[in-house]
Amino acid sequence: MLAIVSKKSHLDINGFYFINGQILNNAQAYSNNTTVTSITYNKNNELAGVWKAQTEPYAIPPLTTASFSIPVTNKIQSFQISNYTVLVESDKFTIQK
């Protein structure tokens, strides 16, 4: 099905936090409307925020990868982030014939 094959994060010079990575579609079908959710935590392991983004492309062909970039646009939250979790989901898989 869907797997996160890479992820990295950084705080840019403008104070925005970015979480970037690659998603692999291991299925024999297209992954449609593929979204990535990041749950961010502060240094006390408390919830700092929840952020979502779509993959590019959002319909991932079988056995290929797609990129994602999640910008945390709230600068107050950006400076509090010490850890995060990334989840990926698709609303449906479509088999191309």
PDB file of N, CA and C in Angstrom:
ATOM      1  N   MET A   1       0.826  -1.172   0.000  1.00  0.00           N
ATOM      2  CA  MET A   1       0.000   0.000   0.000  1.00  0.00           C
ATOM      3  C   MET A   1       0.887   1.258   0.000  1.00  0.00           C
ATOM      4  N   LEU A   2       0.679   2.193   0.875  1.00  0.00           N
ATOM      5  CA  LEU A   2       1.459   3.432   0.892  1.00  0.00           C
ATOM      6  C   LEU A   2       2.518   3.382   1.981  1.00  0.00           C
ATOM      7  N   ALA A   3       3.715   3.852   1.648  1.00  0.00           N
ATOM      8  CA  ALA A   3       4.816   3.864   2.609  1.00  0.00           C
ATOM      9  C   ALA A   3       5.567   5.181   2.521  1.00  0.00           C
ATOM     10  N   ILE A   4       5.988   5.681   3.665  1.00  0.00           N
ATOM     11  CA  ILE A   4       6.823   6.875   3.723  1.00  0.00           C
ATOM     12  C   ILE A   4       8.263   6.395   3.569  1.00  0.00           C
ATOM     13  N   VAL A   5       8.909   6.760   2.463  1.00  0.00           N
ATOM     14  CA  VAL A   5      10.264   6.269   2.207  1.00  0.00           C
ATOM     15  C   VAL A   5      11.338   7.269   2.613  1.00  0.00           C
ATOM     16  N   SER A   6      10.963   8.537   2.767  1.00  0.00           N
ATOM     17  CA  SER A   6      11.911   9.516   3.285  1.00  0.00           C
ATOM     18  C   SER A   6      11.148  10.692   3.867  1.00  0.00           C
ATOM     19  N   LYS A   7      11.767  11.324   4.856  1.00  0.00           N
ATOM     20  CA  LYS A   7      11.196  12.547   5.428  1.00  0.00           C
ATOM     21  C   LYS A   7      12.318  13.331   6.084  1.00  0.00           C
ATOM     22  N   LYS A   8      12.207  14.642   5.990  1.00  0.00           N
ATOM     23  CA  LYS A   8      13.173  15.530   6.629  1.00  0.00           C
ATOM     24  C   LYS A   8      12.454  16.830   6.935  1.00  0.00           C
ATOM     25  N   SER A   9      13.029  17.607   7.810  1.00  0.00           N
ATOM     26  CA  SER A   9      12.397  18.871   8.180  1.00  0.00           C
ATOM     27  C   SER A   9      13.454  19.937   8.372  1.00  0.00           C
ATOM     28  N   HIS A  10      13.011  21.180   8.268  1.00  0.00           N
ATOM     29  CA  HIS A  10      13.929  22.295   8.525  1.00  0.00           C
ATOM     30  C   HIS A  10      13.130  23.562   8.814  1.00  0.00           C
ATOM     31  N   LEU A  11      13.742  24.446   9.532  1.00  0.00           N
ATOM     32  CA  LEU A  11      13.201  25.772   9.832  1.00  0.00           C
ATOM     33  C   LEU A  11      13.927  26.746   8.919  1.00  0.00           C
ATOM     34  N   ASP A  12      13.174  27.477   8.082  1.00  0.00           N
ATOM     35  CA  ASP A  12      13.849  28.390   7.158  1.00  0.00           C
ATOM     36  C   ASP A  12      14.145  29.735   7.824  1.00  0.00           C
ATOM     37  N   ILE A  13      14.825  30.611   7.104  1.00  0.00           N
ATOM     38  CA  ILE A  13      15.256  31.886   7.679  1.00  0.00           C
ATOM     39  C   ILE A  13      14.099  32.834   7.977  1.00  0.00           C
ATOM     40  N   ASN A  14      12.920  32.555   7.383  1.00  0.00           N
ATOM     41  CA  ASN A  14      11.740  33.379   7.639  1.00  0.00           C
ATOM     42  C   ASN A  14      10.905  32.876   8.813  1.00  0.00           C
ATOM     43  N   GLY A  15      11.319  31.763   9.434  1.00  0.00           N
ATOM     44  CA  GLY A  15      10.609  31.238  10.592  1.00  0.00           C
ATOM     45  C   GLY A  15       9.535  30.227  10.258  1.00  0.00           C
ATOM     46  N   PHE A  16       9.517  29.734   9.020  1.00  0.00           N
ATOM     47  CA  PHE A  16       8.554  28.704   8.643  1.00  0.00           C
ATOM     48  C   PHE A  16       9.225  27.343   8.733  1.00  0.00           C
ATOM     49  N   TYR A  17       8.481  26.367   9.253  1.00  0.00           N
ATOM     50  CA  TYR A  17       8.978  24.997   9.422  1.00  0.00           C
ATOM     51  C   TYR A  17       8.420  24.158   8.278  1.00  0.00           C
ATOM     52  N   PHE A  18       9.271  23.415   7.606  1.00  0.00           N
ATOM     53  CA  PHE A  18       8.847  22.579   6.487  1.00  0.00           C
ATOM     54  C   PHE A  18       9.160  21.118   6.769  1.00  0.00           C
ATOM     55  N   ILE A  19       8.202  20.257   6.443  1.00  0.00           N
ATOM     56  CA  ILE A  19       8.394  18.812   6.514  1.00  0.00           C
ATOM     57  C   ILE A  19       8.235  18.297   5.084  1.00  0.00           C
ATOM     58  N   ASN A  20       9.289  17.695   4.551  1.00  0.00           N
ATOM     59  CA  ASN A  20       9.301  17.222   3.169  1.00  0.00           C
ATOM     60  C   ASN A  20       9.620  15.738   3.132  1.00  0.00           C
ATOM     61  N   GLY A  21       9.178  15.084   2.055  1.00  0.00           N
ATOM     62  CA  GLY A  21       9.509  13.673   1.919  1.00  0.00           C
ATOM     63  C   GLY A  21       8.960  13.046   0.659  1.00  0.00           C
ATOM     64  N   GLN A  22       9.053  11.717   0.639  1.00  0.00           N
ATOM     65  CA  GLN A  22       8.608  10.908  -0.493  1.00  0.00           C
ATOM     66  C   GLN A  22       7.691   9.796   0.007  1.00  0.00           C
ATOM     67  N   ILE A  23       6.635   9.545  -0.764  1.00  0.00           N
ATOM     68  CA  ILE A  23       5.686   8.473  -0.488  1.00  0.00           C
ATOM     69  C   ILE A  23       5.795   7.454  -1.613  1.00  0.00           C
ATOM     70  N   LEU A  24       5.839   6.166  -1.277  1.00  0.00           N
ATOM     71  CA  LEU A  24       5.869   5.091  -2.265  1.00  0.00           C
ATOM     72  C   LEU A  24       4.524   4.387  -2.282  1.00  0.00           C
ATOM     73  N   ASN A  25       3.960   4.231  -3.478  1.00  0.00           N
ATOM     74  CA  ASN A  25       2.727   3.462  -3.657  1.00  0.00           C
ATOM     75  C   ASN A  25       3.133   2.041  -4.039  1.00  0.00           C
ATOM     76  N   ASN A  26       3.056   1.115  -3.080  1.00  0.00           N
ATOM     77  CA  ASN A  26       3.422  -0.282  -3.304  1.00  0.00           C
ATOM     78  C   ASN A  26       2.308  -1.101  -3.939  1.00  0.00           C
ATOM     79  N   ALA A  27       1.139  -0.515  -4.123  1.00  0.00           N
ATOM     80  CA  ALA A  27      -0.022  -1.251  -4.631  1.00  0.00           C
ATOM     81  C   ALA A  27       0.030  -1.378  -6.150  1.00  0.00           C
ATOM     82  N   GLN A  28      -0.825  -2.221  -6.673  1.00  0.00           N
ATOM     83  CA  GLN A  28      -0.966  -2.405  -8.114  1.00  0.00           C
ATOM     84  C   GLN A  28      -2.085  -1.524  -8.661  1.00  0.00           C
ATOM     85  N   ALA A  29      -2.426  -0.454  -7.939  1.00  0.00           N
ATOM     86  CA  ALA A  29      -3.502   0.451  -8.328  1.00  0.00           C
ATOM     87  C   ALA A  29      -3.068   1.882  -8.048  1.00  0.00           C
ATOM     88  N   TYR A  30      -3.727   2.834  -8.694  1.00  0.00           N
ATOM     89  CA  TYR A  30      -3.461   4.250  -8.440  1.00  0.00           C
ATOM     90  C   TYR A  30      -3.958   4.629  -7.049  1.00  0.00           C
ATOM     91  N   SER A  31      -3.176   5.411  -6.334  1.00  0.00           N
ATOM     92  CA  SER A  31      -3.597   5.986  -5.060  1.00  0.00           C
ATOM     93  C   SER A  31      -4.141   7.385  -5.362  1.00  0.00           C
ATOM     94  N   ASN A  32      -5.434   7.588  -5.162  1.00  0.00           N
ATOM     95  CA  ASN A  32      -6.092   8.850  -5.507  1.00  0.00           C
ATOM     96  C   ASN A  32      -6.262   9.744  -4.286  1.00  0.00           C
ATOM     97  N   ASN A  33      -6.165  11.055  -4.519  1.00  0.00           N
ATOM     98  CA  ASN A  33      -6.319  12.043  -3.442  1.00  0.00           C
ATOM     99  C   ASN A  33      -5.453  11.674  -2.243  1.00  0.00           C
ATOM    100  N   THR A  34      -4.189  11.485  -2.499  1.00  0.00           N
ATOM    101  CA  THR A  34      -3.248  11.067  -1.466  1.00  0.00           C
ATOM    102  C   THR A  34      -2.860  12.277  -0.620  1.00  0.00           C
ATOM    103  N   THR A  35      -3.077  12.178   0.687  1.00  0.00           N
ATOM    104  CA  THR A  35      -2.745  13.275   1.592  1.00  0.00           C
ATOM    105  C   THR A  35      -1.768  12.803   2.664  1.00  0.00           C
ATOM    106  N   VAL A  36      -0.989  13.757   3.140  1.00  0.00           N
ATOM    107  CA  VAL A  36      -0.027  13.506   4.200  1.00  0.00           C
ATOM    108  C   VAL A  36      -0.388  14.425   5.359  1.00  0.00           C
ATOM    109  N   THR A  37      -0.428  13.862   6.555  1.00  0.00           N
ATOM    110  CA  THR A  37      -0.746  14.619   7.761  1.00  0.00           C
ATOM    111  C   THR A  37       0.451  14.569   8.696  1.00  0.00           C
ATOM    112  N   SER A  38       0.802  15.719   9.245  1.00  0.00           N
ATOM    113  CA  SER A  38       1.870  15.775  10.225  1.00  0.00           C
ATOM    114  C   SER A  38       1.297  16.249  11.554  1.00  0.00           C
ATOM    115  N   ILE A  39       1.602  15.492  12.584  1.00  0.00           N
ATOM    116  CA  ILE A  39       1.232  15.870  13.946  1.00  0.00           C
ATOM    117  C   ILE A  39       2.519  16.326  14.606  1.00  0.00           C
ATOM    118  N   THR A  40       2.565  17.592  15.021  1.00  0.00           N
ATOM    119  CA  THR A  40       3.787  18.150  15.590  1.00  0.00           C
ATOM    120  C   THR A  40       3.666  18.261  17.111  1.00  0.00           C
ATOM    121  N   TYR A  41       4.816  18.109  17.772  1.00  0.00           N
ATOM    122  CA  TYR A  41       4.884  18.140  19.239  1.00  0.00           C
ATOM    123  C   TYR A  41       5.937  19.139  19.699  1.00  0.00           C
ATOM    124  N   ASN A  42       5.723  19.715  20.872  1.00  0.00           N
ATOM    125  CA  ASN A  42       6.709  20.630  21.440  1.00  0.00           C
ATOM    126  C   ASN A  42       7.716  19.859  22.299  1.00  0.00           C
ATOM    127  N   LYS A  43       8.623  20.578  22.961  1.00  0.00           N
ATOM    128  CA  LYS A  43       9.678  19.916  23.739  1.00  0.00           C
ATOM    129  C   LYS A  43       9.142  19.129  24.934  1.00  0.00           C
ATOM    130  N   ASN A  44       7.899  19.419  25.372  1.00  0.00           N
ATOM    131  CA  ASN A  44       7.274  18.675  26.464  1.00  0.00           C
ATOM    132  C   ASN A  44       6.430  17.510  25.954  1.00  0.00           C
ATOM    133  N   ASN A  45       6.569  17.199  24.642  1.00  0.00           N
ATOM    134  CA  ASN A  45       5.818  16.142  23.972  1.00  0.00           C
ATOM    135  C   ASN A  45       4.309  16.413  23.983  1.00  0.00           C
ATOM    136  N   GLU A  46       3.949  17.688  24.002  1.00  0.00           N
ATOM    137  CA  GLU A  46       2.550  18.103  23.917  1.00  0.00           C
ATOM    138  C   GLU A  46       2.239  18.479  22.474  1.00  0.00           C
ATOM    139  N   LEU A  47       0.990  18.324  22.086  1.00  0.00           N
ATOM    140  CA  LEU A  47       0.569  18.644  20.733  1.00  0.00           C
ATOM    141  C   LEU A  47       0.836  20.113  20.416  1.00  0.00           C
ATOM    142  N   ALA A  48       1.576  20.347  19.337  1.00  0.00           N
ATOM    143  CA  ALA A  48       1.837  21.719  18.886  1.00  0.00           C
ATOM    144  C   ALA A  48       0.926  22.096  17.728  1.00  0.00           C
ATOM    145  N   GLY A  49       0.554  21.109  16.885  1.00  0.00           N
ATOM    146  CA  GLY A  49      -0.320  21.395  15.761  1.00  0.00           C
ATOM    147  C   GLY A  49      -0.499  20.193  14.854  1.00  0.00           C
ATOM    148  N   VAL A  50      -1.472  20.296  13.962  1.00  0.00           N
ATOM    149  CA  VAL A  50      -1.739  19.267  12.960  1.00  0.00           C
ATOM    150  C   VAL A  50      -1.801  19.972  11.609  1.00  0.00           C
ATOM    151  N   TRP A  51      -1.036  19.457  10.655  1.00  0.00           N
ATOM    152  CA  TRP A  51      -0.928  20.089   9.340  1.00  0.00           C
ATOM    153  C   TRP A  51      -1.094  19.039   8.257  1.00  0.00           C
ATOM    154  N   LYS A  52      -1.744  19.423   7.146  1.00  0.00           N
ATOM    155  CA  LYS A  52      -1.991  18.497   6.043  1.00  0.00           C
ATOM    156  C   LYS A  52      -1.524  19.084   4.720  1.00  0.00           C
ATOM    157  N   ALA A  53      -1.197  18.182   3.796  1.00  0.00           N
ATOM    158  CA  ALA A  53      -0.856  18.578   2.430  1.00  0.00           C
ATOM    159  C   ALA A  53      -1.124  17.398   1.508  1.00  0.00           C
ATOM    160  N   GLN A  54      -1.297  17.686   0.226  1.00  0.00           N
ATOM    161  CA  GLN A  54      -1.443  16.634  -0.766  1.00  0.00           C
ATOM    162  C   GLN A  54      -0.080  16.313  -1.359  1.00  0.00           C
ATOM    163  N   THR A  55       0.054  15.078  -1.817  1.00  0.00           N
ATOM    164  CA  THR A  55       1.278  14.697  -2.507  1.00  0.00           C
ATOM    165  C   THR A  55       1.270  15.298  -3.904  1.00  0.00           C
ATOM    166  N   GLU A  56       2.444  15.324  -4.503  1.00  0.00           N
ATOM    167  CA  GLU A  56       2.566  15.805  -5.883  1.00  0.00           C
ATOM    168  C   GLU A  56       3.238  14.719  -6.697  1.00  0.00           C
ATOM    169  N   PRO A  57       2.541  13.995  -7.541  1.00  0.00           N
ATOM    170  CA  PRO A  57       1.134  14.185  -7.887  1.00  0.00           C
ATOM    171  C   PRO A  57       0.217  13.603  -6.804  1.00  0.00           C
ATOM    172  N   TYR A  58      -1.016  14.084  -6.759  1.00  0.00           N
ATOM    173  CA  TYR A  58      -1.937  13.579  -5.737  1.00  0.00           C
ATOM    174  C   TYR A  58      -2.508  12.222  -6.106  1.00  0.00           C
ATOM    175  N   ALA A  59      -2.454  11.828  -7.372  1.00  0.00           N
ATOM    176  CA  ALA A  59      -2.798  10.466  -7.805  1.00  0.00           C
ATOM    177  C   ALA A  59      -1.475   9.772  -8.132  1.00  0.00           C
ATOM    178  N   ILE A  60      -1.055   8.862  -7.250  1.00  0.00           N
ATOM    179  CA  ILE A  60       0.248   8.216  -7.399  1.00  0.00           C
ATOM    180  C   ILE A  60       0.076   6.917  -8.184  1.00  0.00           C
ATOM    181  N   PRO A  61       0.747   6.792  -9.318  1.00  0.00           N
ATOM    182  CA  PRO A  61       0.667   5.545 -10.086  1.00  0.00           C
ATOM    183  C   PRO A  61       1.234   4.361  -9.302  1.00  0.00           C
ATOM    184  N   PRO A  62       0.852   3.149  -9.687  1.00  0.00           N
ATOM    185  CA  PRO A  62       1.374   1.961  -9.007  1.00  0.00           C
ATOM    186  C   PRO A  62       2.900   1.902  -9.051  1.00  0.00           C
ATOM    187  N   LEU A  63       3.486   1.487  -7.948  1.00  0.00           N
ATOM    188  CA  LEU A  63       4.920   1.232  -7.818  1.00  0.00           C
ATOM    189  C   LEU A  63       5.787   2.452  -8.135  1.00  0.00           C
ATOM    190  N   THR A  64       5.278   3.644  -7.826  1.00  0.00           N
ATOM    191  CA  THR A  64       6.046   4.873  -8.015  1.00  0.00           C
ATOM    192  C   THR A  64       6.000   5.723  -6.744  1.00  0.00           C
ATOM    193  N   THR A  65       6.791   6.785  -6.743  1.00  0.00           N
ATOM    194  CA  THR A  65       6.834   7.681  -5.591  1.00  0.00           C
ATOM    195  C   THR A  65       6.241   9.039  -5.940  1.00  0.00           C
ATOM    196  N   ALA A  66       5.871   9.755  -4.895  1.00  0.00           N
ATOM    197  CA  ALA A  66       5.390  11.131  -5.008  1.00  0.00           C
ATOM    198  C   ALA A  66       6.016  11.932  -3.875  1.00  0.00           C
ATOM    199  N   SER A  67       6.178  13.212  -4.104  1.00  0.00           N
ATOM    200  CA  SER A  67       6.766  14.106  -3.099  1.00  0.00           C
ATOM    201  C   SER A  67       5.675  14.775  -2.280  1.00  0.00           C
ATOM    202  N   PHE A  68       6.057  15.224  -1.089  1.00  0.00           N
ATOM    203  CA  PHE A  68       5.165  16.057  -0.296  1.00  0.00           C
ATOM    204  C   PHE A  68       5.971  17.129   0.413  1.00  0.00           C
ATOM    205  N   SER A  69       5.307  18.233   0.682  1.00  0.00           N
ATOM    206  CA  SER A  69       5.890  19.317   1.455  1.00  0.00           C
ATOM    207  C   SER A  69       4.795  19.897   2.329  1.00  0.00           C
ATOM    208  N   ILE A  70       5.000  19.863   3.629  1.00  0.00           N
ATOM    209  CA  ILE A  70       4.033  20.405   4.578  1.00  0.00           C
ATOM    210  C   ILE A  70       4.641  21.657   5.199  1.00  0.00           C
ATOM    211  N   PRO A  71       4.108  22.834   4.877  1.00  0.00           N
ATOM    212  CA  PRO A  71       4.609  24.049   5.511  1.00  0.00           C
ATOM    213  C   PRO A  71       3.831  24.347   6.792  1.00  0.00           C
ATOM    214  N   VAL A  72       4.540  24.582   7.868  1.00  0.00           N
ATOM    215  CA  VAL A  72       3.906  25.040   9.106  1.00  0.00           C
ATOM    216  C   VAL A  72       3.991  26.559   9.054  1.00  0.00           C
ATOM    217  N   THR A  73       2.861  27.188   8.766  1.00  0.00           N
ATOM    218  CA  THR A  73       2.842  28.627   8.498  1.00  0.00           C
ATOM    219  C   THR A  73       2.612  29.477   9.743  1.00  0.00           C
ATOM    220  N   ASN A  74       2.342  28.843  10.866  1.00  0.00           N
ATOM    221  CA  ASN A  74       2.198  29.572  12.121  1.00  0.00           C
ATOM    222  C   ASN A  74       3.577  29.643  12.773  1.00  0.00           C
ATOM    223  N   LYS A  75       4.191  30.817  12.759  1.00  0.00           N
ATOM    224  CA  LYS A  75       5.566  30.954  13.253  1.00  0.00           C
ATOM    225  C   LYS A  75       5.695  30.638  14.736  1.00  0.00           C
ATOM    226  N   ILE A  76       4.669  30.914  15.519  1.00  0.00           N
ATOM    227  CA  ILE A  76       4.722  30.579  16.948  1.00  0.00           C
ATOM    228  C   ILE A  76       4.840  29.068  17.111  1.00  0.00           C
ATOM    229  N   GLN A  77       4.038  28.304  16.341  1.00  0.00           N
ATOM    230  CA  GLN A  77       4.132  26.844  16.392  1.00  0.00           C
ATOM    231  C   GLN A  77       5.450  26.353  15.814  1.00  0.00           C
ATOM    232  N   SER A  78       5.925  26.999  14.745  1.00  0.00           N
ATOM    233  CA  SER A  78       7.173  26.583  14.103  1.00  0.00           C
ATOM    234  C   SER A  78       8.336  26.523  15.085  1.00  0.00           C
ATOM    235  N   PHE A  79       8.447  27.536  15.930  1.00  0.00           N
ATOM    236  CA  PHE A  79       9.564  27.595  16.870  1.00  0.00           C
ATOM    237  C   PHE A  79       9.398  26.641  18.050  1.00  0.00           C
ATOM    238  N   GLN A  80       8.197  26.086  18.242  1.00  0.00           N
ATOM    239  CA  GLN A  80       7.952  25.158  19.339  1.00  0.00           C
ATOM    240  C   GLN A  80       8.178  23.702  18.959  1.00  0.00           C
ATOM    241  N   ILE A  81       8.242  23.399  17.678  1.00  0.00           N
ATOM    242  CA  ILE A  81       8.304  22.005  17.226  1.00  0.00           C
ATOM    243  C   ILE A  81       9.637  21.366  17.600  1.00  0.00           C
ATOM    244  N   SER A  82       9.546  20.223  18.272  1.00  0.00           N
ATOM    245  CA  SER A  82      10.750  19.458  18.581  1.00  0.00           C
ATOM    246  C   SER A  82      10.677  18.045  18.010  1.00  0.00           C
ATOM    247  N   ASN A  83       9.468  17.613  17.624  1.00  0.00           N
ATOM    248  CA  ASN A  83       9.283  16.274  17.086  1.00  0.00           C
ATOM    249  C   ASN A  83       8.004  16.260  16.259  1.00  0.00           C
ATOM    250  N   TYR A  84       7.874  15.280  15.379  1.00  0.00           N
ATOM    251  CA  TYR A  84       6.648  15.168  14.584  1.00  0.00           C
ATOM    252  C   TYR A  84       6.441  13.737  14.112  1.00  0.00           C
ATOM    253  N   THR A  85       5.206  13.443  13.769  1.00  0.00           N
ATOM    254  CA  THR A  85       4.814  12.166  13.184  1.00  0.00           C
ATOM    255  C   THR A  85       4.181  12.461  11.841  1.00  0.00           C
ATOM    256  N   VAL A  86       4.425  11.606  10.854  1.00  0.00           N
ATOM    257  CA  VAL A  86       3.845  11.780   9.525  1.00  0.00           C
ATOM    258  C   VAL A  86       2.989  10.560   9.198  1.00  0.00           C
ATOM    259  N   LEU A  87       1.773  10.823   8.733  1.00  0.00           N
ATOM    260  CA  LEU A  87       0.843   9.775   8.321  1.00  0.00           C
ATOM    261  C   LEU A  87       0.445  10.019   6.879  1.00  0.00           C
ATOM    262  N   VAL A  88       0.212   8.956   6.112  1.00  0.00           N
ATOM    263  CA  VAL A  88      -0.216   9.106   4.724  1.00  0.00           C
ATOM    264  C   VAL A  88      -1.486   8.288   4.511  1.00  0.00           C
ATOM    265  N   GLU A  89      -2.404   8.838   3.705  1.00  0.00           N
ATOM    266  CA  GLU A  89      -3.644   8.126   3.429  1.00  0.00           C
ATOM    267  C   GLU A  89      -4.158   8.477   2.040  1.00  0.00           C
ATOM    268  N   SER A  90      -5.010   7.615   1.539  1.00  0.00           N
ATOM    269  CA  SER A  90      -5.634   7.804   0.240  1.00  0.00           C
ATOM    270  C   SER A  90      -7.116   7.528   0.404  1.00  0.00           C
ATOM    271  N   ASP A  91      -7.964   8.301  -0.295  1.00  0.00           N
ATOM    272  CA  ASP A  91      -9.395   8.056  -0.139  1.00  0.00           C
ATOM    273  C   ASP A  91      -9.852   6.823  -0.926  1.00  0.00           C
ATOM    274  N   LYS A  92      -9.073   6.435  -1.964  1.00  0.00           N
ATOM    275  CA  LYS A  92      -9.388   5.185  -2.674  1.00  0.00           C
ATOM    276  C   LYS A  92      -8.253   4.828  -3.607  1.00  0.00           C
ATOM    277  N   PHE A  93      -8.214   3.564  -3.962  1.00  0.00           N
ATOM    278  CA  PHE A  93      -7.279   3.069  -4.954  1.00  0.00           C
ATOM    279  C   PHE A  93      -8.074   2.722  -6.207  1.00  0.00           C
ATOM    280  N   THR A  94      -7.549   3.076  -7.374  1.00  0.00           N
ATOM    281  CA  THR A  94      -8.213   2.799  -8.636  1.00  0.00           C
ATOM    282  C   THR A  94      -7.295   1.968  -9.513  1.00  0.00           C
ATOM    283  N   ILE A  95      -7.829   0.898 -10.038  1.00  0.00           N
ATOM    284  CA  ILE A  95      -7.068   0.042 -10.940  1.00  0.00           C
ATOM    285  C   ILE A  95      -7.295   0.530 -12.366  1.00  0.00           C
ATOM    286  N   GLN A  96      -6.219   0.814 -13.083  1.00  0.00           N
ATOM    287  CA  GLN A  96      -6.315   1.248 -14.478  1.00  0.00           C
ATOM    288  C   GLN A  96      -6.337   0.021 -15.377  1.00  0.00           C
ATOM    289  N   LYS A  97      -7.263   0.002 -16.322  1.00  0.00           N
ATOM    290  CA  LYS A  97      -7.359  -1.125 -17.264  1.00  0.00           C
ATOM    291  C   LYS A  97      -7.077  -0.668 -18.657  1.00  0.00           C
TER     292      LYS A  97
END
